PDB file of N, CA and C in Angstrom:
ATOM      1  N   MET A   1      -0.884   2.992  -8.413  1.00  0.00           N
ATOM      2  CA  MET A   1      -2.007   3.071  -7.555  1.00  0.00           C
ATOM      3  C   MET A   1      -2.227   4.151  -6.428  1.00  0.00           C
ATOM      4  N   SER A   2      -3.129   4.521  -6.562  1.00  0.00           N
ATOM      5  CA  SER A   2      -3.492   5.671  -5.403  1.00  0.00           C
ATOM      6  C   SER A   2      -3.622   5.202  -4.154  1.00  0.00           C
ATOM      7  N   ASP A   3      -3.395   5.772  -3.065  1.00  0.00           N
ATOM      8  CA  ASP A   3      -3.547   5.517  -1.817  1.00  0.00           C
ATOM      9  C   ASP A   3      -4.875   5.137  -1.379  1.00  0.00           C
ATOM     10  N   PHE A   4      -6.055   5.646  -1.790  1.00  0.00           N
ATOM     11  CA  PHE A   4      -7.441   5.554  -1.751  1.00  0.00           C
ATOM     12  C   PHE A   4      -7.693   4.197  -2.511  1.00  0.00           C
ATOM     13  N   ASN A   5      -7.201   3.861  -3.613  1.00  0.00           N
ATOM     14  CA  ASN A   5      -7.501   2.580  -4.318  1.00  0.00           C
ATOM     15  C   ASN A   5      -6.885   1.479  -3.591  1.00  0.00           C
ATOM     16  N   TYR A   6      -5.590   1.866  -2.901  1.00  0.00           N
ATOM     17  CA  TYR A   6      -4.789   0.584  -2.256  1.00  0.00           C
ATOM     18  C   TYR A   6      -5.721   0.236  -0.920  1.00  0.00           C
ATOM     19  N   ARG A   7      -6.105   1.092  -0.357  1.00  0.00           N
ATOM     20  CA  ARG A   7      -7.086   1.028   1.094  1.00  0.00           C
ATOM     21  C   ARG A   7      -8.440   0.247   0.397  1.00  0.00           C
ATOM     22  N   LYS A   8      -8.960   0.775  -0.256  1.00  0.00           N
ATOM     23  CA  LYS A   8     -10.224   0.170  -0.542  1.00  0.00           C
ATOM     24  C   LYS A   8     -10.310  -1.552  -1.160  1.00  0.00           C
ATOM     25  N   LYS A   9      -9.083  -1.653  -2.209  1.00  0.00           N
ATOM     26  CA  LYS A   9      -8.539  -3.073  -2.290  1.00  0.00           C
ATOM     27  C   LYS A   9      -8.299  -3.545  -0.932  1.00  0.00           C
ATOM     28  N   LEU A  10      -7.810  -3.403  -0.194  1.00  0.00           N
ATOM     29  CA  LEU A  10      -7.417  -3.787   1.295  1.00  0.00           C
ATOM     30  C   LEU A  10      -8.752  -4.067   1.703  1.00  0.00           C
ATOM     31  N   GLU A  11      -9.521  -3.406   1.925  1.00  0.00           N
ATOM     32  CA  GLU A  11     -10.837  -3.563   2.722  1.00  0.00           C
ATOM     33  C   GLU A  11     -11.846  -4.693   1.901  1.00  0.00           C
ATOM     34  N   GLU A  12     -11.667  -4.647   0.696  1.00  0.00           N
ATOM     35  CA  GLU A  12     -12.497  -5.463   0.207  1.00  0.00           C
ATOM     36  C   GLU A  12     -12.018  -6.917   0.158  1.00  0.00           C
ATOM     37  N   TYR A  13     -10.702  -7.272   0.428  1.00  0.00           N
ATOM     38  CA  TYR A  13      -9.916  -8.579   0.468  1.00  0.00           C
ATOM     39  C   TYR A  13     -10.239  -8.938   1.911  1.00  0.00           C
ATOM     40  N   LEU A  14     -10.202  -7.971   2.820  1.00  0.00           N
ATOM     41  CA  LEU A  14     -10.435  -8.202   4.488  1.00  0.00           C
ATOM     42  C   LEU A  14     -12.135  -8.781   4.510  1.00  0.00           C
ATOM     43  N   LYS A  15     -12.913  -7.936   3.913  1.00  0.00           N
ATOM     44  CA  LYS A  15     -14.371  -8.385   3.772  1.00  0.00           C
ATOM     45  C   LYS A  15     -14.532  -9.909   3.257  1.00  0.00           C
ATOM     46  N   ARG A  16     -13.829 -10.100   2.291  1.00  0.00           N
ATOM     47  CA  ARG A  16     -14.035 -11.570   1.403  1.00  0.00           C
ATOM     48  C   ARG A  16     -13.596 -12.614   2.268  1.00  0.00           C
ATOM     49  N   ASN A  17     -12.582 -12.281   3.090  1.00  0.00           N
ATOM     50  CA  ASN A  17     -11.681 -13.309   3.954  1.00  0.00           C
ATOM     51  C   ASN A  17     -12.443 -13.525   5.429  1.00  0.00           C
ATOM     52  N   CYS A  18     -13.521 -12.997   5.700  1.00  0.00           N
ATOM     53  CA  CYS A  18     -13.994 -12.880   6.844  1.00  0.00           C
ATOM     54  C   CYS A  18     -14.720 -14.198   7.210  1.00  0.00           C
ATOM     55  N   GLU A  19     -14.880 -14.569   8.452  1.00  0.00           N
ATOM     56  CA  GLU A  19     -15.359 -16.107   8.681  1.00  0.00           C
ATOM     57  C   GLU A  19     -16.668 -15.360   9.684  1.00  0.00           C
ATOM     58  N   GLN A  20     -17.691 -16.021   9.539  1.00  0.00           N
ATOM     59  CA  GLN A  20     -19.074 -15.838  10.404  1.00  0.00           C
ATOM     60  C   GLN A  20     -19.005 -16.754  11.481  1.00  0.00           C
ATOM     61  N   HIS A  21     -18.969 -16.336  12.854  1.00  0.00           N
ATOM     62  CA  HIS A  21     -18.491 -17.151  13.989  1.00  0.00           C
ATOM     63  C   HIS A  21     -19.745 -16.596  15.103  1.00  0.00           C
ATOM     64  N   ARG A  22     -20.978 -17.136  14.951  1.00  0.00           N
ATOM     65  CA  ARG A  22     -22.054 -16.721  15.619  1.00  0.00           C
ATOM     66  C   ARG A  22     -22.331 -15.267  15.085  1.00  0.00           C
ATOM     67  N   LYS A  23     -22.488 -14.399  15.795  1.00  0.00           N
ATOM     68  CA  LYS A  23     -22.860 -13.269  15.278  1.00  0.00           C
ATOM     69  C   LYS A  23     -21.686 -12.042  14.962  1.00  0.00           C
ATOM     70  N   ASN A  24     -20.472 -12.654  15.302  1.00  0.00           N
ATOM     71  CA  ASN A  24     -19.283 -11.684  14.902  1.00  0.00           C
ATOM     72  C   ASN A  24     -18.587 -12.225  13.576  1.00  0.00           C
ATOM     73  N   GLN A  25     -17.965 -11.360  13.132  1.00  0.00           N
ATOM     74  CA  GLN A  25     -17.022 -11.552  11.792  1.00  0.00           C
ATOM     75  C   GLN A  25     -15.692 -11.605  12.479  1.00  0.00           C
ATOM     76  N   LEU A  26     -15.196 -12.681  11.826  1.00  0.00           N
ATOM     77  CA  LEU A  26     -13.815 -12.986  12.310  1.00  0.00           C
ATOM     78  C   LEU A  26     -12.679 -13.203  11.303  1.00  0.00           C
ATOM     79  N   ILE A  27     -11.578 -12.460  11.417  1.00  0.00           N
ATOM     80  CA  ILE A  27     -10.705 -12.719  10.453  1.00  0.00           C
ATOM     81  C   ILE A  27      -9.560 -13.394  11.087  1.00  0.00           C
ATOM     82  N   ASP A  28      -8.395 -14.000  10.388  1.00  0.00           N
ATOM     83  CA  ASP A  28      -7.356 -14.540  10.631  1.00  0.00           C
ATOM     84  C   ASP A  28      -6.197 -13.417  11.369  1.00  0.00           C
ATOM     85  N   GLY A  29      -5.743 -13.386  12.155  1.00  0.00           N
ATOM     86  CA  GLY A  29      -4.654 -12.300  12.303  1.00  0.00           C
ATOM     87  C   GLY A  29      -3.168 -12.326  11.505  1.00  0.00           C
ATOM     88  N   HIS A  30      -3.258 -13.746  11.004  1.00  0.00           N
ATOM     89  CA  HIS A  30      -1.891 -13.721  10.036  1.00  0.00           C
ATOM     90  C   HIS A  30      -2.398 -12.953   8.852  1.00  0.00           C
ATOM     91  N   TYR A  31      -3.639 -12.837   8.269  1.00  0.00           N
ATOM     92  CA  TYR A  31      -4.039 -12.315   7.115  1.00  0.00           C
ATOM     93  C   TYR A  31      -3.827 -10.600   7.452  1.00  0.00           C
ATOM     94  N   ILE A  32      -4.135 -10.071   8.505  1.00  0.00           N
ATOM     95  CA  ILE A  32      -4.163  -8.756   8.608  1.00  0.00           C
ATOM     96  C   ILE A  32      -2.676  -8.101   8.894  1.00  0.00           C
ATOM     97  N   LEU A  33      -1.924  -9.193   9.413  1.00  0.00           N
ATOM     98  CA  LEU A  33      -0.529  -8.631   9.542  1.00  0.00           C
ATOM     99  C   LEU A  33       0.336  -8.702   8.209  1.00  0.00           C
ATOM    100  N   ARG A  34       0.041  -9.649   7.463  1.00  0.00           N
ATOM    101  CA  ARG A  34       0.551  -9.981   6.166  1.00  0.00           C
ATOM    102  C   ARG A  34       0.004  -8.890   5.255  1.00  0.00           C
ATOM    103  N   LEU A  35      -1.129  -8.220   5.191  1.00  0.00           N
ATOM    104  CA  LEU A  35      -1.569  -7.181   4.766  1.00  0.00           C
ATOM    105  C   LEU A  35      -1.138  -5.658   4.872  1.00  0.00           C
ATOM    106  N   LEU A  36      -0.783  -5.829   6.597  1.00  0.00           N
ATOM    107  CA  LEU A  36      -0.087  -4.351   6.673  1.00  0.00           C
ATOM    108  C   LEU A  36       1.346  -4.114   6.608  1.00  0.00           C
ATOM    109  N   LEU A  37       1.979  -5.550   6.404  1.00  0.00           N
ATOM    110  CA  LEU A  37       3.361  -5.712   6.055  1.00  0.00           C
ATOM    111  C   LEU A  37       3.511  -5.410   4.383  1.00  0.00           C
ATOM    112  N   GLU A  38       2.529  -5.792   3.624  1.00  0.00           N
ATOM    113  CA  GLU A  38       2.367  -5.401   2.188  1.00  0.00           C
ATOM    114  C   GLU A  38       2.406  -4.475   1.866  1.00  0.00           C
ATOM    115  N   TYR A  39       1.235  -3.628   2.944  1.00  0.00           N
ATOM    116  CA  TYR A  39       0.908  -2.046   2.547  1.00  0.00           C
ATOM    117  C   TYR A  39       2.086  -1.080   3.075  1.00  0.00           C
ATOM    118  N   TYR A  40       2.871  -1.710   4.230  1.00  0.00           N
ATOM    119  CA  TYR A  40       4.431  -1.094   4.467  1.00  0.00           C
ATOM    120  C   TYR A  40       5.201  -0.884   3.388  1.00  0.00           C
ATOM    121  N   GLN A  41       5.511  -2.139   2.675  1.00  0.00           N
ATOM    122  CA  GLN A  41       6.576  -2.233   1.848  1.00  0.00           C
ATOM    123  C   GLN A  41       5.946  -1.304   0.736  1.00  0.00           C
ATOM    124  N   TYR A  42       4.669  -1.044   0.142  1.00  0.00           N
ATOM    125  CA  TYR A  42       4.673  -0.536  -0.917  1.00  0.00           C
ATOM    126  C   TYR A  42       4.550   1.016  -0.610  1.00  0.00           C
ATOM    127  N   LYS A  43       4.253   1.588   0.720  1.00  0.00           N
ATOM    128  CA  LYS A  43       4.478   2.925   1.066  1.00  0.00           C
ATOM    129  C   LYS A  43       6.105   3.206   1.052  1.00  0.00           C
ATOM    130  N   LYS A  44       6.927   2.321   1.573  1.00  0.00           N
ATOM    131  CA  LYS A  44       8.395   2.385   1.292  1.00  0.00           C
ATOM    132  C   LYS A  44       8.847   2.731  -0.021  1.00  0.00           C
ATOM    133  N   GLY A  45       8.292   1.494  -1.048  1.00  0.00           N
ATOM    134  CA  GLY A  45       8.952   1.668  -2.197  1.00  0.00           C
ATOM    135  C   GLY A  45       8.373   3.093  -2.741  1.00  0.00           C
ATOM    136  N   GLU A  46       7.331   3.290  -2.458  1.00  0.00           N
ATOM    137  CA  GLU A  46       6.801   4.569  -2.917  1.00  0.00           C
ATOM    138  C   GLU A  46       7.758   5.931  -2.496  1.00  0.00           C
ATOM    139  N   ALA A  47       8.116   6.067  -1.230  1.00  0.00           N
ATOM    140  CA  ALA A  47       8.813   6.904  -0.765  1.00  0.00           C
ATOM    141  C   ALA A  47      10.284   6.706  -1.094  1.00  0.00           C
ATOM    142  N   PHE A  48      10.898   5.457  -1.573  1.00  0.00           N
ATOM    143  CA  PHE A  48      12.340   5.595  -2.221  1.00  0.00           C
ATOM    144  C   PHE A  48      12.366   5.924  -3.377  1.00  0.00           C
ATOM    145  N   GLY A  49      11.241   5.648  -4.096  1.00  0.00           N
ATOM    146  CA  GLY A  49      11.464   6.334  -5.820  1.00  0.00           C
ATOM    147  C   GLY A  49      11.476   7.562  -5.784  1.00  0.00           C
ATOM    148  N   GLN A  50      10.748   8.396  -4.853  1.00  0.00           N
ATOM    149  CA  GLN A  50      10.315   9.628  -4.720  1.00  0.00           C
ATOM    150  C   GLN A  50      12.064  10.190  -4.293  1.00  0.00           C
ATOM    151  N   LEU A  51      12.761   9.342  -3.396  1.00  0.00           N
ATOM    152  CA  LEU A  51      13.949  10.014  -3.009  1.00  0.00           C
ATOM    153  C   LEU A  51      15.150   9.729  -4.176  1.00  0.00           C
ATOM    154  N   THR A  52      15.006   8.616  -4.649  1.00  0.00           N
ATOM    155  CA  THR A  52      16.191   8.474  -5.715  1.00  0.00           C
ATOM    156  C   THR A  52      15.734   9.709  -7.004  1.00  0.00           C
ATOM    157  N   LYS A  53      14.322  10.023  -7.179  1.00  0.00           N
ATOM    158  CA  LYS A  53      14.175  10.799  -8.120  1.00  0.00           C
ATOM    159  C   LYS A  53      14.990  12.480  -7.857  1.00  0.00           C
ATOM    160  N   ALA A  54      15.014  12.814  -6.357  1.00  0.00           N
ATOM    161  CA  ALA A  54      15.092  13.943  -5.899  1.00  0.00           C
ATOM    162  C   ALA A  54      16.811  13.989  -5.977  1.00  0.00           C
ATOM    163  N   PHE A  55      17.304  12.902  -5.353  1.00  0.00           N
ATOM    164  CA  PHE A  55      18.989  12.931  -5.598  1.00  0.00           C
ATOM    165  C   PHE A  55      19.161  12.698  -7.043  1.00  0.00           C
ATOM    166  N   ALA A  56      18.447  11.923  -7.983  1.00  0.00           N
ATOM    167  CA  ALA A  56      19.155  12.222  -9.148  1.00  0.00           C
ATOM    168  C   ALA A  56      19.046  13.576  -9.844  1.00  0.00           C
ATOM    169  N   LYS A  57      18.077  14.145  -9.479  1.00  0.00           N
ATOM    170  CA  LYS A  57      17.829  15.547 -10.087  1.00  0.00           C
ATOM    171  C   LYS A  57      19.064  16.686  -9.683  1.00  0.00           C
ATOM    172  N   TYR A  58      19.265  16.654  -8.264  1.00  0.00           N
ATOM    173  CA  TYR A  58      20.184  17.163  -7.782  1.00  0.00           C
ATOM    174  C   TYR A  58      21.594  16.892  -8.380  1.00  0.00           C
ATOM    175  N   ALA A  59      21.801  15.678  -8.146  1.00  0.00           N
ATOM    176  CA  ALA A  59      23.328  15.318  -8.625  1.00  0.00           C
ATOM    177  C   ALA A  59      23.450  15.912 -10.185  1.00  0.00           C
ATOM    178  N   LYS A  60      22.414  15.818 -11.122  1.00  0.00           N
ATOM    179  CA  LYS A  60      22.517  16.261 -12.603  1.00  0.00           C
ATOM    180  C   LYS A  60      22.969  17.514 -12.611  1.00  0.00           C
ATOM    181  N   GLU A  61      21.945  18.428 -11.664  1.00  0.00           N
ATOM    182  CA  GLU A  61      22.259  19.707 -11.895  1.00  0.00           C
ATOM    183  C   GLU A  61      23.974  20.037 -11.109  1.00  0.00           C
ATOM    184  N   PHE A  62      24.410  19.296  -9.994  1.00  0.00           N
ATOM    185  CA  PHE A  62      25.438  20.187  -9.337  1.00  0.00           C
ATOM    186  C   PHE A  62      26.601  18.811  -9.534  1.00  0.00           C
ATOM    187  N   ASN A  63      26.804  18.385 -10.683  1.00  0.00           N
ATOM    188  CA  ASN A  63      27.794  17.565 -11.110  1.00  0.00           C
ATOM    189  C   ASN A  63      28.023  16.421 -10.074  1.00  0.00           C
ATOM    190  N   ASN A  64      27.319  15.691  -9.376  1.00  0.00           N
ATOM    191  CA  ASN A  64      27.368  14.669  -8.582  1.00  0.00           C
ATOM    192  C   ASN A  64      28.011  14.999  -7.336  1.00  0.00           C
ATOM    193  N   HIS A  65      28.027  16.228  -6.827  1.00  0.00           N
ATOM    194  CA  HIS A  65      28.619  16.986  -5.746  1.00  0.00           C
ATOM    195  C   HIS A  65      27.421  17.277  -4.757  1.00  0.00           C
ATOM    196  N   MET A  66      27.330  16.748  -3.576  1.00  0.00           N
ATOM    197  CA  MET A  66      26.360  17.119  -2.534  1.00  0.00           C
ATOM    198  C   MET A  66      26.832  17.124  -1.248  1.00  0.00           C
ATOM    199  N   THR A  67      26.701  18.019  -0.475  1.00  0.00           N
ATOM    200  CA  THR A  67      27.041  18.287   1.002  1.00  0.00           C
ATOM    201  C   THR A  67      26.267  17.339   1.862  1.00  0.00           C
ATOM    202  N   PHE A  68      26.653  17.426   2.882  1.00  0.00           N
ATOM    203  CA  PHE A  68      25.683  16.317   3.920  1.00  0.00           C
ATOM    204  C   PHE A  68      24.640  17.475   4.479  1.00  0.00           C
ATOM    205  N   GLU A  69      24.608  18.481   4.487  1.00  0.00           N
ATOM    206  CA  GLU A  69      23.529  19.185   4.726  1.00  0.00           C
ATOM    207  C   GLU A  69      22.284  19.292   3.833  1.00  0.00           C
ATOM    208  N   VAL A  70      22.788  19.302   2.558  1.00  0.00           N
ATOM    209  CA  VAL A  70      22.019  19.009   1.238  1.00  0.00           C
ATOM    210  C   VAL A  70      21.264  17.956   1.440  1.00  0.00           C
ATOM    211  N   TYR A  71      21.943  16.864   1.433  1.00  0.00           N
ATOM    212  CA  TYR A  71      21.457  15.482   1.774  1.00  0.00           C
ATOM    213  C   TYR A  71      20.343  15.147   2.770  1.00  0.00           C
ATOM    214  N   LEU A  72      20.702  15.934   3.683  1.00  0.00           N
ATOM    215  CA  LEU A  72      19.511  15.819   4.927  1.00  0.00           C
ATOM    216  C   LEU A  72      18.462  16.887   4.671  1.00  0.00           C
ATOM    217  N   LYS A  73      18.645  17.843   3.854  1.00  0.00           N
ATOM    218  CA  LYS A  73      17.421  18.698   3.672  1.00  0.00           C
ATOM    219  C   LYS A  73      16.344  17.454   2.827  1.00  0.00           C
ATOM    220  N   ILE A  74      17.207  17.182   1.437  1.00  0.00           N
ATOM    221  CA  ILE A  74      16.620  16.355   0.624  1.00  0.00           C
ATOM    222  C   ILE A  74      15.750  15.120   1.394  1.00  0.00           C
ATOM    223  N   TYR A  75      16.442  14.659   2.348  1.00  0.00           N
ATOM    224  CA  TYR A  75      15.843  13.245   3.040  1.00  0.00           C
ATOM    225  C   TYR A  75      14.854  13.842   3.754  1.00  0.00           C
ATOM    226  N   ASP A  76      14.714  15.168   4.504  1.00  0.00           N
ATOM    227  CA  ASP A  76      13.818  15.242   5.585  1.00  0.00           C
ATOM    228  C   ASP A  76      12.490  15.843   4.679  1.00  0.00           C
ATOM    229  N   TYR A  77      12.847  16.514   3.629  1.00  0.00           N
ATOM    230  CA  TYR A  77      11.786  16.788   2.855  1.00  0.00           C
ATOM    231  C   TYR A  77      10.904  15.815   2.128  1.00  0.00           C
ATOM    232  N   ASN A  78      11.603  14.605   1.760  1.00  0.00           N
ATOM    233  CA  ASN A  78      11.181  13.418   1.257  1.00  0.00           C
ATOM    234  C   ASN A  78      10.978  12.102   2.482  1.00  0.00           C
ATOM    235  N   SER A  79      10.945  12.749   3.676  1.00  0.00           N
ATOM    236  CA  SER A  79      11.018  11.567   4.591  1.00  0.00           C
ATOM    237  C   SER A  79       9.881  10.617   4.689  1.00  0.00           C
ATOM    238  N   PHE A  80       9.910   9.332   5.056  1.00  0.00           N
ATOM    239  CA  PHE A  80       8.965   8.082   4.832  1.00  0.00           C
ATOM    240  C   PHE A  80       8.031   8.813   6.269  1.00  0.00           C
TER     241      PHE A  80
END
């Protein structure tokens, strides 16, 4: 799922769960915090997958040997 689609679904979910109070639309703070946590976990999982692929590719090419400098370069390039 693309980042744009995820944001659109998040926006739609928030709109569905709004309550009308006088002239204001209100939403429970717990919903927002939970959704932000879910989004954070989604993005972390995506980044972890990219890191895993990068490390696997490098390890395959260089017989599972990696210097710390190379590790830092790969990590910085694919940083969260």
